[in-house]
């Protein structure tokens, strides 16, 4: 499992997503792990819950 600083995650969000689709990524703030980013399929496997696309509302 890879770990990256929060600043790098912010600056290279696209790369974070690409990496997280292959393996979970720990995002650290001040050297401490704060979140794990992972593929939806892995999340669903771990929790047993399906993730559905969010519904958006358009105005006007």
PDB file of N, CA and C in Angstrom:
ATOM      1  N   UNK A   1       0.852  -1.167   0.000  1.00  0.00           N
ATOM      2  CA  UNK A   1       0.000   0.000   0.000  1.00  0.00           C
ATOM      3  C   UNK A   1       0.898   1.230   0.000  1.00  0.00           C
ATOM      4  N   UNK A   2       0.597   2.149  -0.888  1.00  0.00           N
ATOM      5  CA  UNK A   2       1.385   3.378  -0.992  1.00  0.00           C
ATOM      6  C   UNK A   2       0.863   4.424  -0.011  1.00  0.00           C
ATOM      7  N   UNK A   3       1.737   5.354   0.337  1.00  0.00           N
ATOM      8  CA  UNK A   3       1.361   6.482   1.182  1.00  0.00           C
ATOM      9  C   UNK A   3       1.902   7.755   0.539  1.00  0.00           C
ATOM     10  N   UNK A   4       1.078   8.812   0.554  1.00  0.00           N
ATOM     11  CA  UNK A   4       1.504  10.099   0.002  1.00  0.00           C
ATOM     12  C   UNK A   4       1.048  11.228   0.921  1.00  0.00           C
ATOM     13  N   UNK A   5       1.777  12.333   0.923  1.00  0.00           N
ATOM     14  CA  UNK A   5       1.360  13.492   1.714  1.00  0.00           C
ATOM     15  C   UNK A   5       0.093  14.130   1.128  1.00  0.00           C
ATOM     16  N   UNK A   6      -0.707  14.746   1.972  1.00  0.00           N
ATOM     17  CA  UNK A   6      -1.951  15.390   1.536  1.00  0.00           C
ATOM     18  C   UNK A   6      -1.680  16.445   0.468  1.00  0.00           C
ATOM     19  N   UNK A   7      -0.603  17.174   0.601  1.00  0.00           N
ATOM     20  CA  UNK A   7      -0.270  18.210  -0.391  1.00  0.00           C
ATOM     21  C   UNK A   7      -0.085  17.591  -1.778  1.00  0.00           C
ATOM     22  N   UNK A   8       0.618  16.471  -1.840  1.00  0.00           N
ATOM     23  CA  UNK A   8       0.817  15.792  -3.123  1.00  0.00           C
ATOM     24  C   UNK A   8      -0.515  15.273  -3.664  1.00  0.00           C
ATOM     25  N   UNK A   9      -1.361  14.749  -2.779  1.00  0.00           N
ATOM     26  CA  UNK A   9      -2.679  14.262  -3.206  1.00  0.00           C
ATOM     27  C   UNK A   9      -3.486  15.394  -3.831  1.00  0.00           C
ATOM     28  N   UNK A  10      -3.401  16.582  -3.238  1.00  0.00           N
ATOM     29  CA  UNK A  10      -4.126  17.740  -3.756  1.00  0.00           C
ATOM     30  C   UNK A  10      -3.578  18.181  -5.110  1.00  0.00           C
ATOM     31  N   UNK A  11      -2.259  18.249  -5.211  1.00  0.00           N
ATOM     32  CA  UNK A  11      -1.634  18.742  -6.436  1.00  0.00           C
ATOM     33  C   UNK A  11      -1.708  17.750  -7.591  1.00  0.00           C
ATOM     34  N   UNK A  12      -1.781  16.460  -7.264  1.00  0.00           N
ATOM     35  CA  UNK A  12      -1.782  15.428  -8.300  1.00  0.00           C
ATOM     36  C   UNK A  12      -2.973  14.492  -8.113  1.00  0.00           C
ATOM     37  N   UNK A  13      -4.160  15.078  -8.007  1.00  0.00           N
ATOM     38  CA  UNK A  13      -5.362  14.295  -7.717  1.00  0.00           C
ATOM     39  C   UNK A  13      -5.639  13.245  -8.789  1.00  0.00           C
ATOM     40  N   UNK A  14      -5.438  13.585 -10.045  1.00  0.00           N
ATOM     41  CA  UNK A  14      -5.655  12.619 -11.129  1.00  0.00           C
ATOM     42  C   UNK A  14      -4.767  11.399 -10.983  1.00  0.00           C
ATOM     43  N   UNK A  15      -3.512  11.633 -10.639  1.00  0.00           N
ATOM     44  CA  UNK A  15      -2.578  10.518 -10.434  1.00  0.00           C
ATOM     45  C   UNK A  15      -2.998   9.683  -9.223  1.00  0.00           C
ATOM     46  N   UNK A  16      -3.475  10.351  -8.162  1.00  0.00           N
ATOM     47  CA  UNK A  16      -3.963   9.641  -6.978  1.00  0.00           C
ATOM     48  C   UNK A  16      -5.091   8.687  -7.360  1.00  0.00           C
ATOM     49  N   UNK A  17      -6.036   9.163  -8.150  1.00  0.00           N
ATOM     50  CA  UNK A  17      -7.152   8.322  -8.586  1.00  0.00           C
ATOM     51  C   UNK A  17      -6.644   7.135  -9.394  1.00  0.00           C
ATOM     52  N   UNK A  18      -5.745   7.383 -10.325  1.00  0.00           N
ATOM     53  CA  UNK A  18      -5.203   6.294 -11.143  1.00  0.00           C
ATOM     54  C   UNK A  18      -4.510   5.242 -10.281  1.00  0.00           C
ATOM     55  N   UNK A  19      -3.717   5.691  -9.321  1.00  0.00           N
ATOM     56  CA  UNK A  19      -3.008   4.761  -8.442  1.00  0.00           C
ATOM     57  C   UNK A  19      -3.983   3.994  -7.559  1.00  0.00           C
ATOM     58  N   UNK A  20      -4.979   4.699  -7.015  1.00  0.00           N
ATOM     59  CA  UNK A  20      -5.939   4.071  -6.107  1.00  0.00           C
ATOM     60  C   UNK A  20      -6.811   3.033  -6.801  1.00  0.00           C
ATOM     61  N   UNK A  21      -6.964   3.140  -8.097  1.00  0.00           N
ATOM     62  CA  UNK A  21      -7.727   2.124  -8.830  1.00  0.00           C
ATOM     63  C   UNK A  21      -6.976   0.800  -8.862  1.00  0.00           C
ATOM     64  N   UNK A  22      -5.645   0.855  -8.716  1.00  0.00           N
ATOM     65  CA  UNK A  22      -4.826  -0.356  -8.731  1.00  0.00           C
ATOM     66  C   UNK A  22      -4.537  -0.885  -7.325  1.00  0.00           C
ATOM     67  N   UNK A  23      -4.407   0.030  -6.359  1.00  0.00           N
ATOM     68  CA  UNK A  23      -4.125  -0.367  -4.979  1.00  0.00           C
ATOM     69  C   UNK A  23      -4.518   0.777  -4.045  1.00  0.00           C
ATOM     70  N   UNK A  24      -4.907   0.460  -2.809  1.00  0.00           N
ATOM     71  CA  UNK A  24      -5.259   1.525  -1.866  1.00  0.00           C
ATOM     72  C   UNK A  24      -4.077   2.462  -1.618  1.00  0.00           C
ATOM     73  N   UNK A  25      -4.401   3.734  -1.398  1.00  0.00           N
ATOM     74  CA  UNK A  25      -3.382   4.753  -1.135  1.00  0.00           C
ATOM     75  C   UNK A  25      -3.729   5.452   0.177  1.00  0.00           C
ATOM     76  N   UNK A  26      -2.764   5.513   1.082  1.00  0.00           N
ATOM     77  CA  UNK A  26      -2.926   6.229   2.346  1.00  0.00           C
ATOM     78  C   UNK A  26      -2.506   7.671   2.117  1.00  0.00           C
ATOM     79  N   UNK A  27      -3.357   8.609   2.518  1.00  0.00           N
ATOM     80  CA  UNK A  27      -3.016  10.030   2.436  1.00  0.00           C
ATOM     81  C   UNK A  27      -2.667  10.478   3.852  1.00  0.00           C
ATOM     82  N   UNK A  28      -1.488  11.074   3.976  1.00  0.00           N
ATOM     83  CA  UNK A  28      -0.989  11.489   5.283  1.00  0.00           C
ATOM     84  C   UNK A  28      -0.970  13.006   5.418  1.00  0.00           C
ATOM     85  N   UNK A  29      -1.257  13.462   6.619  1.00  0.00           N
ATOM     86  CA  UNK A  29      -1.180  14.886   6.946  1.00  0.00           C
ATOM     87  C   UNK A  29      -0.278  15.007   8.172  1.00  0.00           C
ATOM     88  N   UNK A  30       0.768  15.794   8.050  1.00  0.00           N
ATOM     89  CA  UNK A  30       1.764  15.942   9.116  1.00  0.00           C
ATOM     90  C   UNK A  30       2.338  14.581   9.513  1.00  0.00           C
ATOM     91  N   UNK A  31       2.524  13.705   8.520  1.00  0.00           N
ATOM     92  CA  UNK A  31       3.129  12.403   8.767  1.00  0.00           C
ATOM     93  C   UNK A  31       2.208  11.348   9.349  1.00  0.00           C
ATOM     94  N   UNK A  32       0.942  11.697   9.537  1.00  0.00           N
ATOM     95  CA  UNK A  32      -0.016  10.738  10.105  1.00  0.00           C
ATOM     96  C   UNK A  32      -1.070  10.365   9.074  1.00  0.00           C
ATOM     97  N   UNK A  33      -1.431   9.083   8.997  1.00  0.00           N
ATOM     98  CA  UNK A  33      -2.464   8.678   8.041  1.00  0.00           C
ATOM     99  C   UNK A  33      -3.820   9.274   8.418  1.00  0.00           C
ATOM    100  N   UNK A  34      -4.514   9.844   7.416  1.00  0.00           N
ATOM    101  CA  UNK A  34      -5.830  10.433   7.686  1.00  0.00           C
ATOM    102  C   UNK A  34      -6.947   9.789   6.872  1.00  0.00           C
ATOM    103  N   UNK A  35      -6.652   9.351   5.664  1.00  0.00           N
ATOM    104  CA  UNK A  35      -7.666   8.681   4.842  1.00  0.00           C
ATOM    105  C   UNK A  35      -6.993   7.631   3.963  1.00  0.00           C
ATOM    106  N   UNK A  36      -7.813   6.700   3.498  1.00  0.00           N
ATOM    107  CA  UNK A  36      -7.367   5.727   2.506  1.00  0.00           C
ATOM    108  C   UNK A  36      -8.257   5.896   1.286  1.00  0.00           C
ATOM    109  N   UNK A  37      -7.643   6.034   0.127  1.00  0.00           N
ATOM    110  CA  UNK A  37      -8.379   6.142  -1.132  1.00  0.00           C
ATOM    111  C   UNK A  37      -8.239   4.799  -1.833  1.00  0.00           C
ATOM    112  N   UNK A  38      -9.387   4.240  -2.255  1.00  0.00           N
ATOM    113  CA  UNK A  38      -9.360   2.932  -2.910  1.00  0.00           C
ATOM    114  C   UNK A  38     -10.407   2.854  -3.998  1.00  0.00           C
ATOM    115  N   UNK A  39     -10.267   1.861  -4.848  1.00  0.00           N
ATOM    116  CA  UNK A  39     -11.225   1.638  -5.925  1.00  0.00           C
ATOM    117  C   UNK A  39     -12.591   1.283  -5.343  1.00  0.00           C
ATOM    118  N   UNK A  40     -13.632   1.693  -6.033  1.00  0.00           N
ATOM    119  CA  UNK A  40     -14.997   1.393  -5.605  1.00  0.00           C
ATOM    120  C   UNK A  40     -15.188  -0.115  -5.450  1.00  0.00           C
ATOM    121  N   UNK A  41     -14.645  -0.872  -6.375  1.00  0.00           N
ATOM    122  CA  UNK A  41     -14.800  -2.329  -6.318  1.00  0.00           C
ATOM    123  C   UNK A  41     -14.210  -2.904  -5.030  1.00  0.00           C
ATOM    124  N   UNK A  42     -13.078  -2.381  -4.599  1.00  0.00           N
ATOM    125  CA  UNK A  42     -12.457  -2.840  -3.357  1.00  0.00           C
ATOM    126  C   UNK A  42     -13.309  -2.436  -2.159  1.00  0.00           C
ATOM    127  N   UNK A  43     -13.830  -1.221  -2.162  1.00  0.00           N
ATOM    128  CA  UNK A  43     -14.710  -0.764  -1.086  1.00  0.00           C
ATOM    129  C   UNK A  43     -15.942  -1.658  -0.989  1.00  0.00           C
ATOM    130  N   UNK A  44     -16.560  -1.931  -2.136  1.00  0.00           N
ATOM    131  CA  UNK A  44     -17.749  -2.785  -2.154  1.00  0.00           C
ATOM    132  C   UNK A  44     -17.428  -4.185  -1.649  1.00  0.00           C
ATOM    133  N   UNK A  45     -16.265  -4.698  -2.007  1.00  0.00           N
ATOM    134  CA  UNK A  45     -15.865  -6.029  -1.550  1.00  0.00           C
ATOM    135  C   UNK A  45     -15.684  -6.045  -0.033  1.00  0.00           C
ATOM    136  N   UNK A  46     -15.061  -5.010   0.512  1.00  0.00           N
ATOM    137  CA  UNK A  46     -14.799  -4.951   1.947  1.00  0.00           C
ATOM    138  C   UNK A  46     -16.061  -4.727   2.774  1.00  0.00           C
ATOM    139  N   UNK A  47     -16.973  -3.897   2.268  1.00  0.00           N
ATOM    140  CA  UNK A  47     -18.161  -3.543   3.047  1.00  0.00           C
ATOM    141  C   UNK A  47     -19.384  -4.375   2.719  1.00  0.00           C
ATOM    142  N   UNK A  48     -19.392  -4.973   1.537  1.00  0.00           N
ATOM    143  CA  UNK A  48     -20.577  -5.712   1.106  1.00  0.00           C
ATOM    144  C   UNK A  48     -21.700  -4.795   0.658  1.00  0.00           C
ATOM    145  N   UNK A  49     -21.409  -3.501   0.514  1.00  0.00           N
ATOM    146  CA  UNK A  49     -22.414  -2.522   0.092  1.00  0.00           C
ATOM    147  C   UNK A  49     -22.098  -2.014  -1.306  1.00  0.00           C
ATOM    148  N   UNK A  50     -23.121  -1.941  -2.135  1.00  0.00           N
ATOM    149  CA  UNK A  50     -22.941  -1.399  -3.483  1.00  0.00           C
ATOM    150  C   UNK A  50     -22.946   0.125  -3.424  1.00  0.00           C
ATOM    151  N   UNK A  51     -22.115   0.730  -4.229  1.00  0.00           N
ATOM    152  CA  UNK A  51     -22.068   2.190  -4.341  1.00  0.00           C
ATOM    153  C   UNK A  51     -22.775   2.567  -5.627  1.00  0.00           C
ATOM    154  N   UNK A  52     -23.810   3.409  -5.508  1.00  0.00           N
ATOM    155  CA  UNK A  52     -24.542   3.825  -6.705  1.00  0.00           C
ATOM    156  C   UNK A  52     -24.128   5.240  -7.085  1.00  0.00           C
ATOM    157  N   UNK A  53     -24.214   5.554  -8.371  1.00  0.00           N
ATOM    158  CA  UNK A  53     -23.867   6.911  -8.800  1.00  0.00           C
ATOM    159  C   UNK A  53     -24.740   7.946  -8.086  1.00  0.00           C
ATOM    160  N   UNK A  54     -24.140   9.051  -7.724  1.00  0.00           N
ATOM    161  CA  UNK A  54     -24.928  10.095  -7.066  1.00  0.00           C
ATOM    162  C   UNK A  54     -25.843  10.758  -8.082  1.00  0.00           C
ATOM    163  N   UNK A  55     -26.979  11.181  -7.605  1.00  0.00           N
ATOM    164  CA  UNK A  55     -27.924  11.878  -8.479  1.00  0.00           C
ATOM    165  C   UNK A  55     -27.676  13.368  -8.339  1.00  0.00           C
ATOM    166  N   UNK A  56     -27.581  14.041  -9.465  1.00  0.00           N
ATOM    167  CA  UNK A  56     -27.356  15.485  -9.441  1.00  0.00           C
ATOM    168  C   UNK A  56     -28.596  16.198  -9.936  1.00  0.00           C
ATOM    169  N   UNK A  57     -28.803  17.382  -9.417  1.00  0.00           N
ATOM    170  CA  UNK A  57     -29.925  18.219  -9.845  1.00  0.00           C
ATOM    171  C   UNK A  57     -29.368  19.385 -10.630  1.00  0.00           C
ATOM    172  N   UNK A  58     -29.983  19.671 -11.760  1.00  0.00           N
ATOM    173  CA  UNK A  58     -29.573  20.858 -12.505  1.00  0.00           C
ATOM    174  C   UNK A  58     -30.579  21.963 -12.250  1.00  0.00           C
ATOM    175  N   UNK A  59     -30.054  23.157 -12.137  1.00  0.00           N
ATOM    176  CA  UNK A  59     -30.920  24.302 -11.868  1.00  0.00           C
ATOM    177  C   UNK A  59     -31.390  24.936 -13.161  1.00  0.00           C
ATOM    178  N   UNK A  60     -32.600  25.486 -13.087  1.00  0.00           N
ATOM    179  CA  UNK A  60     -33.171  26.295 -14.137  1.00  0.00           C
ATOM    180  C   UNK A  60     -33.287  25.663 -15.411  1.00  0.00           C
TER     181      UNK A  60
END
